[in-house]
């Protein structure tokens, strides 16, 4: 894998992947709340969310779970002092569908964490990561009714 970050101005860069897709990278240089792009640490959290999300939805689909909506949120806490590293992360899996089985969701999360997601495998070596799941039954109104909530416990911890 080869990627690049090309400087444009100030603290704005354009990140580019091997496949040619570009993403603005930056920060709020003036402190006025106007970011120049996604910060590097935000990209780290987004990478984790995307990596595990792809695994979990793929596994749930293979398990023939009828998922109608799926979202993964990552909350990352940072140290107060520079270099302000991430000190703790919480991944929340929000699964909505029809009769989605809790055991299938837990197994999908487990496989992502222990076998498939390289981002989680790497970050998990240096940052504690908690995993929470919420399963909603899809309703005609378009909303979901919470049916299960749990905390995934890693086999090793």
Protein backbone atom coordinates (compact mmCIF):
# COMPACT_ATOMS: atom_id res chain seq x y z
CA UNK A 1 0.00 0.00 0.00
CA UNK A 2 1.23 3.46 -0.89
CA UNK A 3 -0.54 6.69 0.06
CA UNK A 4 0.41 10.34 -0.05
CA UNK A 5 -0.45 13.68 1.53
CA UNK A 6 0.19 16.67 -0.71
CA UNK A 7 0.37 20.10 0.88
CA UNK A 8 -2.01 22.74 -0.49
CA UNK A 9 -1.74 25.64 1.95
CA UNK A 10 -1.69 26.31 5.66
CA UNK A 11 -2.50 23.03 7.35
CA UNK A 12 -4.50 21.63 4.41
CA UNK A 13 -3.34 18.52 2.60
CA UNK A 14 -4.92 16.24 0.07
CA UNK A 15 -4.54 12.59 0.94
CA UNK A 16 -4.49 10.15 -1.94
CA UNK A 17 -4.74 6.36 -1.93
CA UNK A 18 -3.33 3.86 -4.44
CA UNK A 19 -6.77 3.65 -6.07
CA UNK A 20 -6.76 7.39 -6.81
CA UNK A 21 -9.41 8.36 -4.26
CA UNK A 22 -8.60 11.62 -2.51
CA UNK A 23 -9.63 13.00 0.87
CA UNK A 24 -9.01 16.44 2.39
CA UNK A 25 -6.86 16.33 5.51
CA UNK A 26 -6.48 19.32 7.76
CA UNK A 27 -7.26 21.04 10.97
CA UNK A 28 -8.73 24.31 12.23
CA UNK A 29 -5.67 26.55 11.78
CA UNK A 30 -7.34 29.77 12.92
CA UNK A 31 -9.20 28.22 15.83
CA UNK A 32 -12.48 29.65 14.54
CA UNK A 33 -14.21 26.29 14.09
CA UNK A 34 -13.62 26.10 10.34
CA UNK A 35 -11.71 22.89 9.62
CA UNK A 36 -9.65 22.52 6.48
CA UNK A 37 -10.38 18.78 6.26
CA UNK A 38 -10.58 15.67 8.37
CA UNK A 39 -7.91 15.52 11.06
CA UNK A 40 -5.47 12.60 11.10
CA UNK A 41 -6.91 11.28 14.39
CA UNK A 42 -10.45 11.53 13.00
CA UNK A 43 -9.24 9.49 10.03
CA UNK A 44 -7.92 6.89 12.48
CA UNK A 45 -11.34 6.61 14.14
CA UNK A 46 -13.11 6.59 10.76
CA UNK A 47 -10.76 3.82 9.61
CA UNK A 48 -11.70 1.74 12.62
CA UNK A 49 -15.43 2.36 12.11
CA UNK A 50 -15.25 1.53 8.41
CA UNK A 51 -13.09 -1.56 8.84
CA UNK A 52 -15.25 -3.23 11.47
CA UNK A 53 -18.48 -2.07 9.79
CA UNK A 54 -17.54 -3.80 6.54
CA UNK A 55 -16.73 -7.01 8.41
CA UNK A 56 -19.86 -7.05 10.55
CA UNK A 57 -22.34 -6.30 7.75
CA UNK A 58 -20.67 -8.87 5.51
CA UNK A 59 -20.92 -11.54 8.22
CA UNK A 60 -24.53 -10.65 9.09
CA UNK A 61 -25.46 -10.87 5.40
CA UNK A 62 -23.81 -14.30 5.13
CA UNK A 63 -25.73 -15.36 8.24
CA UNK A 64 -28.93 -14.35 6.38
CA UNK A 65 -29.85 -11.69 8.94
CA UNK A 66 -32.44 -9.25 7.59
CA UNK A 67 -30.65 -5.97 8.31
CA UNK A 68 -32.42 -2.84 7.06
CA UNK A 69 -30.11 -0.23 8.58
CA UNK A 70 -26.62 -0.44 10.06
CA UNK A 71 -24.29 2.13 11.55
CA UNK A 72 -21.04 1.95 13.47
CA UNK A 73 -20.05 4.85 15.70
CA UNK A 74 -16.65 5.29 17.31
CA UNK A 75 -16.03 7.54 20.28
CA UNK A 76 -12.34 8.26 20.86
CA UNK A 77 -10.99 9.96 23.97
CA UNK A 78 -7.73 11.88 23.72
CA UNK A 79 -5.04 12.76 26.23
CA UNK A 80 -5.09 16.38 27.37
CA UNK A 81 -1.37 16.87 26.74
CA UNK A 82 0.52 16.75 23.45
CA UNK A 83 0.78 14.65 21.42
CA UNK A 84 -2.88 14.15 22.50
CA UNK A 85 -2.93 10.47 21.60
CA UNK A 86 -6.13 8.43 21.68
CA UNK A 87 -6.40 6.87 25.14
CA UNK A 88 -9.69 4.94 24.92
CA UNK A 89 -12.19 4.01 22.22
CA UNK A 90 -15.78 2.81 22.26
CA UNK A 91 -17.30 1.20 19.18
CA UNK A 92 -21.11 1.16 19.08
CA UNK A 93 -22.83 -1.09 16.54
CA UNK A 94 -26.41 -0.04 15.73
CA UNK A 95 -28.21 -2.84 13.88
CA UNK A 96 -31.80 -2.45 12.70
CA UNK A 97 -33.75 -5.16 10.94
CA UNK A 98 -36.35 -7.88 11.18
CA UNK A 99 -35.73 -10.54 13.84
CA UNK A 100 -31.97 -9.92 13.86
CA UNK A 101 -30.44 -12.52 16.19
CA UNK A 102 -28.26 -11.26 19.03
CA UNK A 103 -26.00 -14.31 18.75
CA UNK A 104 -25.33 -13.46 15.08
CA UNK A 105 -24.44 -9.85 15.94
CA UNK A 106 -22.12 -10.90 18.77
CA UNK A 107 -20.40 -13.48 16.55
CA UNK A 108 -19.95 -10.93 13.75
CA UNK A 109 -18.37 -8.47 16.18
CA UNK A 110 -16.13 -11.22 17.56
CA UNK A 111 -14.92 -12.27 14.11
CA UNK A 112 -14.22 -8.68 13.14
CA UNK A 113 -12.22 -8.09 16.32
CA UNK A 114 -10.31 -11.39 16.42
CA UNK A 115 -9.85 -12.32 12.76
CA UNK A 116 -10.70 -9.79 10.05
CA UNK A 117 -10.25 -6.09 10.92
CA UNK A 118 -6.57 -5.10 10.66
CA UNK A 119 -7.26 -1.60 11.96
CA UNK A 120 -8.81 -2.94 15.17
CA UNK A 121 -6.05 -5.54 15.55
CA UNK A 122 -3.42 -2.81 15.32
CA UNK A 123 -5.15 -0.18 17.48
CA UNK A 124 -6.18 -2.78 20.08
CA UNK A 125 -2.50 -3.36 20.86
CA UNK A 126 -2.09 0.20 22.15
CA UNK A 127 -5.58 1.51 23.04
CA UNK A 128 -8.34 -0.11 25.11
CA UNK A 129 -11.38 -0.61 22.86
CA UNK A 130 -14.86 -1.31 24.20
CA UNK A 131 -17.59 -2.70 21.96
CA UNK A 132 -21.29 -2.09 22.52
CA UNK A 133 -24.17 -3.27 20.35
CA UNK A 134 -27.78 -2.25 20.06
CA UNK A 135 -30.30 -4.23 18.03
CA UNK A 136 -33.51 -2.58 16.87
CA UNK A 137 -36.61 -4.19 15.37
CA UNK A 138 -37.54 -2.26 12.23
CA UNK A 139 -41.04 -0.81 12.32
CA UNK A 140 -43.30 0.52 9.57
CA UNK A 141 -42.91 4.06 10.89
CA UNK A 142 -39.28 3.89 9.79
CA UNK A 143 -38.10 3.90 13.36
CA UNK A 144 -36.68 0.97 15.20
CA UNK A 145 -37.66 -0.40 18.60
CA UNK A 146 -34.68 -1.32 20.78
CA UNK A 147 -34.83 -5.05 21.50
CA UNK A 148 -31.32 -5.86 22.74
CA UNK A 149 -28.37 -3.95 24.10
CA UNK A 150 -25.13 -5.47 25.20
CA UNK A 151 -21.41 -5.15 25.65
CA UNK A 152 -19.17 -7.50 23.72
CA UNK A 153 -16.44 -9.03 25.85
CA UNK A 154 -13.32 -9.99 23.95
CA UNK A 155 -12.26 -13.64 24.45
CA UNK A 156 -8.94 -12.46 25.89
CA UNK A 157 -10.29 -9.74 28.12
